[in-house]
Amino acid sequence: MKSISLLAIILTVAGPLAAGLTRFTPVPDTAAYPRGVAASPRYRVLVQPAAKTESWDRARDTTATYKLWPDYVDPETLPAKHARTAVHVAQADSNVRVRVRVELTDGSAIRTLALKPSRLAELAATVRRGETWVEFEVEPYRYTRTVLVEINAPAHDAEALQDGLLFFLNPPSEMPAGNVLVLPPGVINEHSPHLDSLNRLLIGPDSPYDALYIPQDTIIDGRVDIRKPSFTVAGRGMIIGSRWPFAKTTPDWRKRYPAWISPDGEWVRPLLSMKLPGDRDDTSGRFEGVLVAHPYHFCVGWAWYNENLKTFGWRFSSDGIHGPHKRGSFMRVNDDATYANEGTIEDCTYWGMVNGAVFQLGWGLNRDNNALVHVRRVDVVRGEWDNIPNPGVDRIGAPADAPPADRRNASANRGVFAGTFRSGRAFTVRNKTFEDIRVDTQVNRLFYFGSRTGEVDYDNFVLKDIWFSREPHYEEVQNVLSGRTGVRGFVFDNFTVGGRKASTLEDFAPLEQRNVENPVFR
């Protein structure tokens, strides 16, 4: 890294930055914003404590609102239906209940309105609206609350929502302990001493810092690369990666990146990355609170703890958050949102795009397929998945003379639950619990528990209090529950679809089932 700027603050403290309600101020120097980020031209968002009865004061109550959209240097990596979509984001930190007012500022009017997730009962209980505004209240929580304000959405959920607004109510931000590098307000880019010649903020193994804090009025136009054990990245700022192409035009493009990302050919995947020498685990590394958008490949990986993160990726192969423990985080990405092959996933919110699964059990043999996984209190607020086969992926492992991809299982990893294993080795996936999952959108299938090569078995799965608001739209797909020798120990406990509680496998039709042994329904 270049010499440290005097604008950076080095702190040795721990504790909250603020209590009560903290609104966000805009990042200064708008002319230097990265590609794909701007002040929102459509929404104004105001926030005040719900207990107060004061009239709205725009100078006092407004919190910064941004527009994110895929202004990439490589538009060929975008799915066609999302090439022109945008999303708008606003945030506040609070440990008290808040009232939120969303105003349309672009001359449009509210024709249809939905507030999600349905789990947050206070949204529906407190909503008030006019032609160009809507108000609602949100209760604080120990992790970030996500609210999707869905205005004038398409009639079919699989169609892309053009300009949705996401409001994030975070717990008060806390300064990490130890020797903390606090970035200054504004845009951190190639002109900043904090980034090296690869436009990377690098924390090496011998760095004097224990943590990096990215304030809410800071944007990193580059990537963050952590190589030090027990390190923390926290804050409410943004990390934006749209300056880089996803190198599909280069040979072996899935493994190599242009020299301006990785001159030594290293496989550098996440935009916010934690990678230790020897790829060893770090059971205390933590990412908290920041917003990561426009990755050239994955958004975030592989910290042990991931909390209150917000991730956005429009490209094919833009995975969300990887790492064992994910809590209070949001993912709107165009590939697998998160892997559910170890650890915990709690209090997270998802918006599915064209490709990828919300809970991906894995693509190949995992290092420990017996690892306990517990997923609970999760919401899926939109599902815009396509059902058409992907010929470059859906035939992986198939013989050369095999028939065309089976359209009934088109794009197996698109949806909520998926086990898209394509390893040629036989193994068993065990010990996964999914509990209290609410799907507030129509999806293309309920689950895909199978494998591309038919070599995988499943054992000891619990799906409890799973709620799909509507029947899936089965267009050239089907549900899959299939094992090489057996699908054992499956418990469906209060698995409800469109108001109908499943009591037999027939309730999951159309279903491909193979070697399913004595499933339990409660």
Protein backbone atom coordinates (compact mmCIF):
# COMPACT_ATOMS: atom_id res chain seq x y z
CA MET A 1 0.00 0.00 0.00
CA LYS A 2 1.14 3.53 -0.59
CA SER A 3 2.02 5.75 2.37
CA ILE A 4 -0.90 6.21 4.74
CA SER A 5 -2.80 9.44 4.30
CA LEU A 6 -2.96 11.87 7.18
CA LEU A 7 -6.70 11.94 6.58
CA ALA A 8 -6.96 8.42 7.89
CA ILE A 9 -7.74 8.11 11.55
CA ILE A 10 -6.09 5.41 13.64
CA LEU A 11 -8.15 4.48 16.67
CA THR A 12 -7.66 2.02 19.50
CA VAL A 13 -11.19 1.84 20.82
CA ALA A 14 -14.25 -0.34 20.95
CA GLY A 15 -17.87 0.68 21.34
CA PRO A 16 -20.81 2.24 19.50
CA LEU A 17 -20.34 5.25 17.28
CA ALA A 18 -23.86 6.41 17.99
CA ALA A 19 -27.05 5.43 19.73
CA GLY A 20 -30.64 6.28 18.94
CA LEU A 21 -31.06 7.20 15.25
CA THR A 22 -28.28 7.99 12.78
CA ARG A 23 -29.21 9.13 9.28
CA PHE A 24 -26.68 8.90 6.46
CA THR A 25 -25.10 11.87 4.70
CA PRO A 26 -24.17 11.71 1.00
CA VAL A 27 -20.67 10.70 0.00
CA PRO A 28 -18.94 13.94 -1.10
CA ASP A 29 -17.33 14.44 -4.51
CA THR A 30 -20.15 13.07 -6.66
CA ALA A 31 -18.11 13.71 -9.82
CA ALA A 32 -15.69 10.96 -8.74
CA TYR A 33 -18.33 8.29 -8.00
CA PRO A 34 -17.51 4.90 -9.59
CA ARG A 35 -19.45 3.58 -12.57
CA GLY A 36 -22.91 2.36 -11.64
CA VAL A 37 -23.43 4.54 -8.54
CA ALA A 38 -25.17 7.89 -8.27
CA ALA A 39 -27.46 9.86 -6.01
CA SER A 40 -30.97 8.53 -6.60
CA PRO A 41 -32.91 10.65 -9.10
CA ARG A 42 -36.15 8.85 -8.20
CA TYR A 43 -36.48 8.63 -4.42
CA ARG A 44 -36.15 10.81 -1.36
CA VAL A 45 -36.13 8.88 1.93
CA LEU A 46 -36.80 10.51 5.30
CA VAL A 47 -36.45 8.84 8.70
CA GLN A 48 -37.46 9.89 12.20
CA PRO A 49 -38.09 8.13 15.53
CA ALA A 50 -41.57 6.62 15.43
CA ALA A 51 -42.31 7.84 18.94
CA LYS A 52 -42.11 11.47 17.82
CA THR A 53 -45.10 13.23 16.30
CA GLU A 54 -43.19 16.03 14.60
CA SER A 55 -43.96 16.99 11.02
CA TRP A 56 -41.42 15.96 8.43
CA ASP A 57 -38.40 18.24 8.01
CA ARG A 58 -36.44 17.43 4.85
CA ALA A 59 -33.29 19.19 6.01
CA ARG A 60 -33.27 17.22 9.26
CA ASP A 61 -34.86 13.88 8.36
CA THR A 62 -33.46 12.98 4.92
CA THR A 63 -31.02 10.08 4.71
CA ALA A 64 -28.75 9.55 1.70
CA THR A 65 -30.27 7.47 -1.12
CA TYR A 66 -28.31 5.99 -4.03
CA LYS A 67 -29.04 4.37 -7.36
CA LEU A 68 -27.08 1.25 -8.37
CA TRP A 69 -27.18 -0.10 -11.92
CA PRO A 70 -24.91 -2.26 -14.13
CA ASP A 71 -22.81 0.37 -15.88
CA TYR A 72 -20.09 -2.16 -16.65
CA VAL A 73 -17.21 -2.09 -19.11
CA ASP A 74 -18.24 -5.60 -20.24
CA PRO A 75 -22.02 -5.56 -20.84
CA GLU A 76 -21.84 -8.98 -22.56
CA THR A 77 -21.67 -10.56 -19.09
CA LEU A 78 -25.16 -9.30 -18.21
CA PRO A 79 -28.42 -11.20 -18.60
CA ALA A 80 -30.48 -9.37 -21.20
CA LYS A 81 -33.51 -8.75 -19.03
CA HIS A 82 -31.41 -7.08 -16.32
CA ALA A 83 -29.17 -5.01 -18.56
CA ARG A 84 -31.23 -1.89 -17.84
CA THR A 85 -32.52 -2.59 -14.33
CA ALA A 86 -31.59 -0.43 -11.37
CA VAL A 87 -32.08 -0.61 -7.64
CA HIS A 88 -32.12 2.25 -5.14
CA VAL A 89 -30.82 1.96 -1.58
CA ALA A 90 -31.20 4.02 1.59
CA GLN A 91 -30.02 3.25 5.12
CA ALA A 92 -30.16 4.41 8.71
CA ASP A 93 -28.76 3.07 11.98
CA SER A 94 -31.11 2.89 14.93
CA ASN A 95 -31.89 1.08 18.15
CA VAL A 96 -35.35 2.69 18.34
CA ARG A 97 -38.41 2.11 16.18
CA VAL A 98 -38.44 4.45 13.18
CA ARG A 99 -40.97 5.94 10.83
CA VAL A 100 -39.87 6.03 7.18
CA ARG A 101 -41.25 8.25 4.43
CA VAL A 102 -40.45 7.44 0.79
CA GLU A 103 -41.16 10.16 -1.76
CA LEU A 104 -41.09 9.85 -5.55
CA THR A 105 -39.15 12.78 -6.97
CA ASP A 106 -39.08 11.95 -10.69
CA GLY A 107 -42.65 12.94 -11.54
CA SER A 108 -44.02 9.38 -11.47
CA ALA A 109 -46.92 8.16 -9.32
CA ILE A 110 -47.60 5.09 -7.22
CA ARG A 111 -50.01 2.76 -9.03
CA THR A 112 -49.26 -0.46 -7.17
CA LEU A 113 -47.40 -0.94 -3.91
CA ALA A 114 -46.06 -3.86 -1.88
CA LEU A 115 -43.90 -3.74 1.24
CA LYS A 116 -41.82 -6.84 1.95
CA PRO A 117 -40.95 -9.04 3.75
CA SER A 118 -44.29 -10.13 5.14
CA ARG A 119 -42.48 -11.24 8.29
CA LEU A 120 -42.32 -7.58 9.37
CA ALA A 121 -45.93 -7.20 10.45
CA GLU A 122 -45.39 -3.56 11.41
CA LEU A 123 -45.05 -2.62 7.73
CA ALA A 124 -48.64 -3.48 6.85
CA ALA A 125 -49.95 -2.27 10.21
CA THR A 126 -48.55 1.24 9.85
CA VAL A 127 -48.56 1.93 6.10
CA ARG A 128 -49.96 5.24 4.84
CA ARG A 129 -49.71 6.38 1.25
CA GLY A 130 -50.50 9.07 -1.26
CA GLU A 131 -50.00 9.37 -4.98
CA THR A 132 -46.29 10.13 -4.71
CA TRP A 133 -45.33 8.97 -1.20
CA VAL A 134 -45.61 6.12 1.27
CA GLU A 135 -44.91 5.92 5.01
CA PHE A 136 -44.34 2.92 7.27
CA GLU A 137 -42.63 1.97 10.53
CA VAL A 138 -39.82 -0.50 11.18
CA GLU A 139 -38.85 -2.11 14.46
CA PRO A 140 -35.07 -2.35 15.15
CA TYR A 141 -33.39 -5.71 15.60
CA ARG A 142 -30.00 -7.07 16.57
CA TYR A 143 -29.21 -7.42 12.86
CA THR A 144 -30.09 -5.32 9.81
CA ARG A 145 -33.75 -5.19 8.83
CA THR A 146 -34.33 -5.08 5.06
CA VAL A 147 -37.49 -3.53 3.55
CA LEU A 148 -38.28 -3.78 -0.14
CA VAL A 149 -40.55 -0.96 -1.31
CA GLU A 150 -41.98 -2.48 -4.48
CA ILE A 151 -43.64 0.28 -6.51
CA ASN A 152 -45.31 -0.43 -9.85
CA ALA A 153 -43.92 -3.95 -10.10
CA PRO A 154 -44.49 -6.13 -13.20
CA ALA A 155 -47.54 -8.37 -13.10
CA HIS A 156 -45.41 -11.54 -13.15
CA ASP A 157 -42.76 -11.96 -10.47
CA ALA A 158 -40.25 -13.49 -12.91
CA GLU A 159 -40.15 -10.21 -14.80
CA ALA A 160 -37.48 -7.78 -13.68
CA LEU A 161 -38.44 -4.98 -11.31
CA GLN A 162 -36.86 -1.89 -12.79
CA ASP A 163 -36.54 0.58 -9.91
CA GLY A 164 -37.19 -1.03 -6.55
CA LEU A 165 -36.13 0.71 -3.34
CA LEU A 166 -34.41 -1.11 -0.49
CA PHE A 167 -34.36 0.45 2.94
CA PHE A 168 -31.90 -0.99 5.46
CA LEU A 169 -32.42 -0.35 9.16
CA ASN A 170 -29.12 -1.30 10.78
CA PRO A 171 -28.19 -1.66 14.43
CA PRO A 172 -25.90 1.16 15.56
CA SER A 173 -22.49 0.79 13.94
CA GLU A 174 -19.67 -0.14 16.28
CA MET A 175 -16.00 0.68 15.98
CA PRO A 176 -13.91 -2.51 16.01
CA ALA A 177 -11.41 -3.09 18.81
CA GLY A 178 -7.69 -2.61 18.44
CA ASN A 179 -5.67 -0.55 15.98
CA VAL A 180 -8.26 0.57 13.43
CA LEU A 181 -7.66 2.19 10.04
CA VAL A 182 -10.61 4.55 9.51
CA LEU A 183 -10.96 5.80 5.95
CA PRO A 184 -11.79 9.45 5.25
CA PRO A 185 -15.09 10.56 3.71
CA GLY A 186 -15.31 10.68 -0.06
CA VAL A 187 -14.23 8.39 -2.89
CA ILE A 188 -11.16 6.20 -2.38
CA ASN A 189 -9.82 5.51 -5.89
CA GLU A 190 -6.56 5.36 -7.86
CA HIS A 191 -5.65 8.83 -6.58
CA SER A 192 -5.79 7.69 -2.96
CA PRO A 193 -2.72 6.54 -1.03
CA HIS A 194 -4.82 3.73 0.43
CA LEU A 195 -4.97 1.80 -2.85
CA ASP A 196 -2.02 0.12 -4.55
CA SER A 197 -1.28 -0.09 -8.28
CA LEU A 198 -3.94 -2.83 -8.61
CA ASN A 199 -6.61 -0.49 -7.18
CA ARG A 200 -6.63 -2.67 -4.11
CA LEU A 201 -6.67 -1.85 -0.43
CA LEU A 202 -4.33 -4.59 0.75
CA ILE A 203 -3.96 -5.65 4.37
CA GLY A 204 -0.94 -7.96 4.43
CA PRO A 205 -0.05 -10.49 7.14
CA ASP A 206 2.31 -7.99 8.80
CA SER A 207 -0.02 -4.99 8.71
CA PRO A 208 -0.06 -2.91 11.92
CA TYR A 209 -3.85 -2.74 11.74
CA ASP A 210 -6.36 -5.02 13.40
CA ALA A 211 -9.40 -3.65 11.58
CA LEU A 212 -10.61 -1.43 8.75
CA TYR A 213 -13.56 0.91 9.23
CA ILE A 214 -15.37 2.27 6.15
CA PRO A 215 -17.68 5.14 7.23
CA GLN A 216 -21.13 5.61 5.72
CA ASP A 217 -19.94 8.58 3.61
CA THR A 218 -17.06 6.67 1.98
CA ILE A 219 -16.92 4.74 -1.31
CA ILE A 220 -13.99 2.48 -2.21
CA ASP A 221 -13.67 2.41 -6.01
CA GLY A 222 -11.61 -0.77 -6.00
CA ARG A 223 -11.36 -3.95 -3.97
CA VAL A 224 -10.41 -4.87 -0.42
CA ASP A 225 -7.96 -7.74 0.02
CA ILE A 226 -7.41 -9.02 3.58
CA ARG A 227 -4.44 -11.36 4.21
CA LYS A 228 -4.15 -10.98 7.98
CA PRO A 229 -5.72 -13.41 10.50
CA SER A 230 -8.38 -12.22 12.96
CA PHE A 231 -9.04 -9.06 10.95
CA THR A 232 -12.30 -7.11 10.90
CA VAL A 233 -13.80 -4.96 8.13
CA ALA A 234 -16.74 -2.90 9.40
CA GLY A 235 -18.73 0.25 8.72
CA ARG A 236 -21.59 1.42 6.53
CA GLY A 237 -19.70 2.54 3.42
CA MET A 238 -19.58 1.02 -0.08
CA ILE A 239 -17.09 -1.09 -2.03
CA ILE A 240 -17.69 -0.84 -5.79
CA GLY A 241 -16.01 -2.97 -8.47
CA SER A 242 -17.53 -1.91 -11.79
CA ARG A 243 -14.19 -0.59 -13.10
CA TRP A 244 -13.15 -4.18 -13.96
CA PRO A 245 -14.36 -6.54 -16.66
CA PHE A 246 -15.21 -10.14 -15.99
CA ALA A 247 -12.66 -11.56 -18.42
CA LYS A 248 -14.86 -13.82 -20.55
CA THR A 249 -12.82 -12.95 -23.64
CA THR A 250 -9.60 -14.44 -22.24
CA PRO A 251 -8.60 -18.12 -22.31
CA ASP A 252 -9.58 -20.07 -19.20
CA TRP A 253 -11.56 -17.03 -18.13
CA ARG A 254 -13.10 -18.68 -15.07
CA LYS A 255 -9.67 -19.00 -13.45
CA ARG A 256 -7.70 -15.99 -14.62
CA TYR A 257 -8.23 -12.26 -14.57
CA PRO A 258 -6.64 -9.37 -16.44
CA ALA A 259 -3.24 -8.16 -15.28
CA TRP A 260 -4.76 -5.10 -13.65
CA ILE A 261 -6.55 -7.41 -11.22
CA SER A 262 -4.02 -10.21 -10.77
CA PRO A 263 -0.69 -9.88 -12.58
CA ASP A 264 0.55 -13.21 -11.17
CA GLY A 265 -2.49 -15.14 -12.42
CA GLU A 266 -3.85 -15.71 -8.93
CA TRP A 267 -7.50 -16.78 -8.71
CA VAL A 268 -8.96 -13.65 -7.12
CA ARG A 269 -12.71 -14.03 -6.76
CA PRO A 270 -14.42 -11.78 -4.18
CA LEU A 271 -14.49 -8.00 -4.27
CA LEU A 272 -14.27 -7.98 -0.47
CA SER A 273 -11.88 -10.84 0.16
CA MET A 274 -10.28 -12.59 3.12
CA LYS A 275 -7.60 -15.03 2.03
CA LEU A 276 -4.91 -16.33 4.38
CA PRO A 277 -1.61 -17.96 3.41
CA GLY A 278 -2.12 -21.63 2.64
CA ASP A 279 -5.89 -21.07 2.38
CA ARG A 280 -6.19 -21.88 6.06
CA ASP A 281 -9.34 -21.03 8.02
CA ASP A 282 -9.53 -18.00 10.28
CA THR A 283 -12.25 -18.59 12.86
CA SER A 284 -12.33 -14.97 14.03
CA GLY A 285 -12.22 -12.93 10.81
CA ARG A 286 -15.30 -10.72 10.39
CA PHE A 287 -17.01 -8.56 7.77
CA GLU A 288 -19.80 -6.29 9.05
CA GLY A 289 -22.18 -3.72 7.65
CA VAL A 290 -20.67 -2.57 4.37
CA LEU A 291 -22.37 -2.54 0.96
CA VAL A 292 -20.59 -4.41 -1.85
CA ALA A 293 -21.74 -3.95 -5.45
CA HIS A 294 -20.67 -4.71 -9.01
CA PRO A 295 -18.13 -7.48 -8.37
CA TYR A 296 -16.11 -8.82 -11.27
CA HIS A 297 -16.89 -12.28 -9.85
CA PHE A 298 -18.10 -12.85 -6.25
CA CYS A 299 -19.20 -10.11 -3.87
CA VAL A 300 -17.86 -11.30 -0.48
CA GLY A 301 -15.72 -14.20 0.83
CA TRP A 302 -14.34 -15.89 2.97
CA ALA A 303 -14.56 -14.33 6.41
CA TRP A 304 -15.76 -16.61 9.20
CA TYR A 305 -18.47 -14.15 10.32
CA ASN A 306 -20.51 -12.03 7.90
CA GLU A 307 -23.11 -9.70 9.42
CA ASN A 308 -25.35 -6.89 8.15
CA LEU A 309 -23.78 -6.92 4.69
CA LYS A 310 -25.55 -5.73 1.53
CA THR A 311 -24.52 -7.27 -1.79
CA PHE A 312 -25.50 -6.52 -5.39
CA GLY A 313 -24.24 -8.18 -8.56
CA TRP A 314 -25.79 -8.19 -12.03
CA ARG A 315 -23.25 -10.33 -13.89
CA PHE A 316 -23.54 -14.03 -14.50
CA SER A 317 -21.41 -15.68 -11.76
CA SER A 318 -21.87 -12.79 -9.31
CA ASP A 319 -22.20 -14.87 -6.14
CA GLY A 320 -23.29 -13.17 -2.92
CA ILE A 321 -21.64 -13.99 0.42
CA HIS A 322 -19.37 -16.95 1.09
CA GLY A 323 -18.14 -17.91 4.54
CA PRO A 324 -19.48 -20.18 7.31
CA HIS A 325 -21.69 -17.74 9.23
CA LYS A 326 -24.02 -15.22 7.57
CA ARG A 327 -26.43 -13.09 9.61
CA GLY A 328 -28.62 -10.08 8.93
CA SER A 329 -27.36 -9.72 5.38
CA PHE A 330 -28.98 -8.97 2.02
CA MET A 331 -28.17 -10.50 -1.37
CA ARG A 332 -29.43 -9.43 -4.78
CA VAL A 333 -27.07 -11.27 -7.08
CA ASN A 334 -27.21 -13.11 -10.38
CA ASP A 335 -25.82 -16.42 -9.17
CA ASP A 336 -25.74 -18.49 -6.00
CA ALA A 337 -26.52 -16.13 -3.14
CA THR A 338 -24.79 -18.26 -0.54
CA TYR A 339 -23.51 -21.79 0.02
CA ALA A 340 -25.37 -23.79 2.65
CA ASN A 341 -22.71 -26.43 3.21
CA GLU A 342 -21.40 -25.36 6.62
CA GLY A 343 -22.24 -23.00 9.48
CA THR A 344 -25.33 -20.85 9.98
CA ILE A 345 -27.49 -18.54 7.90
CA GLU A 346 -29.82 -16.39 10.00
CA ASP A 347 -32.05 -13.35 9.54
CA CYS A 348 -31.01 -12.82 5.91
CA THR A 349 -33.02 -11.47 2.96
CA TYR A 350 -32.74 -12.45 -0.70
CA TRP A 351 -33.78 -11.17 -4.11
CA GLY A 352 -33.21 -13.80 -6.80
CA MET A 353 -32.29 -12.72 -10.32
CA VAL A 354 -31.97 -14.74 -13.55
CA ASN A 355 -29.55 -17.38 -12.29
CA GLY A 356 -28.42 -19.07 -9.10
CA ALA A 357 -29.94 -20.47 -5.92
CA VAL A 358 -30.71 -18.84 -2.60
CA PHE A 359 -29.34 -21.86 -0.71
CA GLN A 360 -26.76 -23.74 -2.78
CA LEU A 361 -25.60 -26.96 -1.13
CA GLY A 362 -22.69 -27.21 -3.50
CA TRP A 363 -21.33 -27.88 -6.97
CA GLY A 364 -18.78 -30.55 -6.16
CA LEU A 365 -17.52 -32.68 -3.31
CA ASN A 366 -17.24 -30.42 -0.26
CA ARG A 367 -14.52 -30.85 2.31
CA ASP A 368 -17.07 -31.99 4.89
CA ASN A 369 -20.44 -33.03 3.53
CA ASN A 370 -21.49 -34.08 7.05
CA ALA A 371 -21.12 -30.54 8.44
CA LEU A 372 -24.10 -29.26 10.39
CA VAL A 373 -25.95 -26.41 8.72
CA HIS A 374 -28.74 -24.42 10.35
CA VAL A 375 -30.71 -21.91 8.29
CA ARG A 376 -33.43 -19.93 10.07
CA ARG A 377 -35.52 -16.75 9.84
CA VAL A 378 -34.86 -16.04 6.18
CA ASP A 379 -36.97 -14.10 3.65
CA VAL A 380 -37.06 -14.24 -0.14
CA VAL A 381 -38.69 -11.01 -1.33
CA ARG A 382 -38.41 -11.45 -5.11
CA GLY A 383 -37.56 -14.31 -7.47
CA GLU A 384 -36.87 -13.29 -11.06
CA TRP A 385 -35.37 -16.61 -12.17
CA ASP A 386 -35.47 -17.79 -15.77
CA ASN A 387 -36.50 -21.37 -16.56
CA ILE A 388 -34.74 -21.89 -19.88
CA PRO A 389 -31.80 -24.35 -19.92
CA ASN A 390 -28.24 -23.10 -19.93
CA PRO A 391 -26.61 -25.39 -22.51
CA GLY A 392 -23.10 -24.60 -21.28
CA VAL A 393 -23.90 -25.67 -17.73
CA ASP A 394 -26.85 -28.04 -17.77
CA ARG A 395 -24.94 -30.69 -19.76
CA ILE A 396 -21.80 -30.71 -17.60
CA GLY A 397 -20.80 -34.34 -17.07
CA ALA A 398 -23.13 -35.63 -19.80
CA PRO A 399 -21.76 -38.05 -22.46
CA ALA A 400 -21.14 -36.58 -25.89
CA ASP A 401 -23.99 -38.59 -27.37
CA ALA A 402 -26.45 -37.69 -24.59
CA PRO A 403 -29.77 -36.15 -25.63
CA PRO A 404 -30.32 -32.40 -25.21
CA ALA A 405 -30.72 -31.03 -21.70
CA ASP A 406 -33.93 -32.17 -20.05
CA ARG A 407 -36.07 -29.06 -20.07
CA ARG A 408 -38.04 -30.34 -17.07
CA ASN A 409 -34.94 -29.67 -14.99
CA ALA A 410 -33.85 -26.55 -16.79
CA SER A 411 -31.13 -24.68 -14.92
CA ALA A 412 -31.24 -26.77 -11.76
CA ASN A 413 -29.54 -24.16 -9.61
CA ARG A 414 -32.22 -21.52 -10.20
CA GLY A 415 -34.54 -21.16 -7.23
CA VAL A 416 -34.59 -21.41 -3.44
CA PHE A 417 -33.13 -24.82 -2.44
CA ALA A 418 -30.58 -26.45 -4.74
CA GLY A 419 -28.00 -29.23 -4.66
CA THR A 420 -26.41 -28.85 -8.07
CA PHE A 421 -23.57 -31.33 -7.56
CA ARG A 422 -21.68 -32.28 -10.71
CA SER A 423 -18.84 -34.32 -9.21
CA GLY A 424 -18.37 -37.77 -10.71
CA ARG A 425 -17.60 -39.21 -7.27
CA ALA A 426 -20.22 -40.81 -5.04
CA PHE A 427 -20.83 -39.16 -1.67
CA THR A 428 -23.60 -38.30 0.80
CA VAL A 429 -24.74 -34.86 1.93
CA ARG A 430 -26.01 -34.86 5.52
CA ASN A 431 -27.29 -32.85 8.47
CA LYS A 432 -28.94 -29.73 7.06
CA THR A 433 -31.81 -27.89 8.77
CA PHE A 434 -33.87 -25.17 7.10
CA GLU A 435 -36.29 -23.47 9.49
CA ASP A 436 -38.65 -20.51 9.26
CA ILE A 437 -38.17 -19.61 5.58
CA ARG A 438 -40.73 -17.24 4.06
CA VAL A 439 -40.94 -16.83 0.29
CA ASP A 440 -42.93 -13.68 -0.56
CA THR A 441 -42.78 -14.22 -4.30
CA GLN A 442 -43.73 -16.76 -6.92
CA VAL A 443 -40.83 -19.05 -7.81
CA ASN A 444 -40.14 -21.56 -10.57
CA ARG A 445 -39.79 -24.62 -8.30
CA LEU A 446 -39.80 -25.59 -4.63
CA PHE A 447 -36.52 -27.49 -4.43
CA TYR A 448 -33.85 -29.41 -6.34
CA PHE A 449 -32.21 -32.04 -4.13
CA GLY A 450 -30.35 -34.13 -6.68
CA SER A 451 -27.14 -33.98 -8.70
CA ARG A 452 -26.09 -33.51 -12.29
CA THR A 453 -24.37 -36.92 -12.42
CA GLY A 454 -26.72 -38.91 -10.19
CA GLU A 455 -23.91 -39.83 -7.78
CA VAL A 456 -25.13 -38.04 -4.63
CA ASP A 457 -27.24 -39.27 -1.71
CA TYR A 458 -28.99 -37.16 0.94
CA ASP A 459 -29.46 -37.94 4.62
CA ASN A 460 -30.93 -36.15 7.66
CA PHE A 461 -32.59 -33.04 6.23
CA VAL A 462 -35.21 -31.05 8.16
CA LEU A 463 -37.40 -28.46 6.41
CA LYS A 464 -39.52 -26.86 9.11
CA ASP A 465 -41.92 -23.93 8.90
CA ILE A 466 -41.29 -23.34 5.22
CA TRP A 467 -43.85 -20.97 3.69
CA PHE A 468 -44.28 -20.23 -0.01
CA SER A 469 -46.84 -17.49 -0.53
CA ARG A 470 -47.97 -18.91 -3.89
CA GLU A 471 -47.82 -22.09 -5.92
CA PRO A 472 -44.68 -22.20 -8.08
CA HIS A 473 -44.91 -21.42 -11.77
CA TYR A 474 -43.78 -24.78 -13.19
CA GLU A 475 -42.67 -23.85 -16.69
CA GLU A 476 -40.43 -26.61 -18.03
CA VAL A 477 -39.12 -27.46 -14.54
CA GLN A 478 -40.02 -29.85 -11.76
CA ASN A 479 -39.08 -30.48 -8.15
CA VAL A 480 -36.33 -33.04 -7.59
CA LEU A 481 -35.74 -35.42 -4.66
CA SER A 482 -33.30 -37.96 -6.00
CA GLY A 483 -30.41 -40.03 -4.64
CA ARG A 484 -27.92 -42.53 -6.05
CA THR A 485 -28.83 -45.14 -3.43
CA GLY A 486 -31.13 -43.25 -1.10
CA VAL A 487 -32.75 -40.04 0.10
CA ARG A 488 -33.12 -40.74 3.81
CA GLY A 489 -34.18 -38.93 6.94
CA PHE A 490 -36.14 -36.14 5.24
CA VAL A 491 -38.61 -34.35 7.52
CA PHE A 492 -41.15 -31.88 6.09
CA ASP A 493 -42.58 -30.09 9.14
CA ASN A 494 -45.24 -27.48 8.31
CA PHE A 495 -44.12 -27.08 4.71
CA THR A 496 -46.84 -24.83 3.26
CA VAL A 497 -47.32 -23.80 -0.37
CA GLY A 498 -50.00 -21.27 -1.30
CA GLY A 499 -51.93 -21.98 1.90
CA ARG A 500 -51.71 -25.76 1.41
CA LYS A 501 -49.71 -27.82 3.90
CA ALA A 502 -47.82 -30.71 2.30
CA SER A 503 -48.68 -34.14 3.71
CA THR A 504 -47.31 -36.52 1.06
CA LEU A 505 -44.74 -36.45 -1.73
CA GLU A 506 -47.62 -36.17 -4.19
CA ASP A 507 -48.16 -32.63 -2.90
CA PHE A 508 -44.83 -31.68 -4.50
CA ALA A 509 -45.86 -32.71 -8.02
CA PRO A 510 -44.42 -32.33 -10.57
CA LEU A 511 -41.70 -34.29 -8.74
CA GLU A 512 -38.80 -36.41 -9.94
CA GLN A 513 -38.19 -38.84 -7.09
CA ARG A 514 -35.64 -41.65 -6.92
CA ASN A 515 -34.80 -43.88 -3.96
CA VAL A 516 -36.71 -41.75 -1.46
CA GLU A 517 -37.05 -43.67 1.82
CA ASN A 518 -39.86 -42.97 4.29
CA PRO A 519 -40.09 -39.15 4.32
CA VAL A 520 -41.83 -37.77 7.40
CA PHE A 521 -44.58 -35.14 7.18
CA ARG A 522 -45.76 -33.18 10.21
